[in-house]
Amino acid sequence: MDAIVPIYQKHLTKADLEALTQFYGSPVGQKILNEMPAILSESMEAGGQIGQRMFAAKSAEFDKRVAELIESSTPDKTPIK
């Protein structure tokens, strides 16, 4: 508590906390409290899928670029006549 209270005091006023208490005591506030774990879980899953697609695309791009660099640095194997 000693470490956390000053953080809340820095960012929120007593009126803010009273309004939050009133809000979370309301039906909508209770719904938010009940639904927030599912909302966060689904959001994390959606973000993870986006991240996986972005990583796969960048990984394929990187692999292609490495292959191009290897190809361009490999000596020509055409026989000398």
Protein backbone atom coordinates (compact mmCIF):
# COMPACT_ATOMS: atom_id res chain seq x y z
CA MET A 1 0.00 0.00 0.00
CA ASP A 2 2.79 2.40 0.87
CA ALA A 3 4.27 2.02 -2.59
CA ILE A 4 1.00 2.10 -4.56
CA VAL A 5 -1.01 4.85 -2.85
CA PRO A 6 1.40 7.65 -3.91
CA ILE A 7 1.09 6.53 -7.53
CA TYR A 8 -2.69 6.83 -7.41
CA GLN A 9 -2.38 10.17 -5.59
CA LYS A 10 -0.08 11.42 -8.34
CA HIS A 11 -2.55 10.61 -11.12
CA LEU A 12 -6.01 10.80 -9.56
CA THR A 13 -7.85 13.24 -7.34
CA LYS A 14 -10.17 12.31 -4.50
CA ALA A 15 -13.06 13.37 -6.76
CA ASP A 16 -11.76 11.01 -9.47
CA LEU A 17 -11.72 8.12 -7.02
CA GLU A 18 -15.21 8.96 -5.79
CA ALA A 19 -16.47 9.03 -9.40
CA LEU A 20 -14.75 5.70 -10.12
CA THR A 21 -16.27 4.15 -7.01
CA GLN A 22 -19.69 5.40 -8.07
CA PHE A 23 -19.18 4.13 -11.63
CA TYR A 24 -17.98 0.67 -10.62
CA GLY A 25 -20.89 0.43 -8.20
CA SER A 26 -23.33 1.03 -11.06
CA PRO A 27 -24.78 -1.74 -13.28
CA VAL A 28 -22.58 -0.67 -16.21
CA GLY A 29 -19.50 -0.55 -13.98
CA GLN A 30 -20.28 -4.04 -12.68
CA LYS A 31 -20.70 -5.27 -16.24
CA ILE A 32 -17.30 -3.82 -17.17
CA LEU A 33 -15.72 -5.55 -14.16
CA ASN A 34 -17.34 -8.84 -15.13
CA GLU A 35 -16.58 -8.64 -18.85
CA MET A 36 -13.07 -7.15 -18.69
CA PRO A 37 -11.23 -10.49 -18.29
CA ALA A 38 -12.89 -11.88 -21.44
CA ILE A 39 -12.35 -8.60 -23.33
CA LEU A 40 -8.65 -8.56 -22.42
CA SER A 41 -8.22 -12.25 -23.23
CA GLU A 42 -9.86 -11.91 -26.64
CA SER A 43 -7.88 -8.73 -27.35
CA MET A 44 -4.61 -10.46 -26.48
CA GLU A 45 -5.52 -13.38 -28.74
CA ALA A 46 -6.37 -11.06 -31.64
CA GLY A 47 -3.15 -9.10 -31.11
CA GLY A 48 -1.15 -12.33 -30.96
CA GLN A 49 -2.60 -13.48 -34.27
CA ILE A 50 -1.74 -10.13 -35.87
CA GLY A 51 1.78 -10.39 -34.45
CA GLN A 52 2.20 -13.92 -35.77
CA ARG A 53 1.11 -12.88 -39.27
CA MET A 54 3.46 -9.88 -39.22
CA PHE A 55 6.34 -12.05 -37.98
CA ALA A 56 5.71 -14.68 -40.66
CA ALA A 57 5.67 -12.02 -43.38
CA LYS A 58 8.87 -10.38 -42.11
CA SER A 59 10.53 -13.77 -41.67
CA ALA A 60 9.71 -14.73 -45.27
CA GLU A 61 10.99 -11.35 -46.47
CA PHE A 62 14.20 -11.84 -44.47
CA ASP A 63 14.69 -15.38 -45.82
CA LYS A 64 14.20 -14.15 -49.38
CA ARG A 65 16.70 -11.33 -48.88
CA VAL A 66 19.29 -13.69 -47.38
CA ALA A 67 18.84 -16.08 -50.32
CA GLU A 68 19.32 -13.16 -52.74
CA LEU A 69 22.50 -12.08 -50.95
CA ILE A 70 23.87 -15.62 -50.99
CA GLU A 71 23.00 -15.94 -54.68
CA SER A 72 24.68 -12.65 -55.55
CA SER A 73 27.84 -13.51 -53.61
CA THR A 74 28.25 -17.04 -55.01
CA PRO A 75 30.88 -17.18 -57.76
CA ASP A 76 29.64 -18.01 -61.22
CA LYS A 77 30.16 -21.72 -61.86
CA THR A 78 30.29 -21.38 -65.64
CA PRO A 79 33.23 -23.43 -66.96
CA ILE A 80 36.15 -21.41 -68.27
CA LYS A 81 36.98 -22.14 -71.91
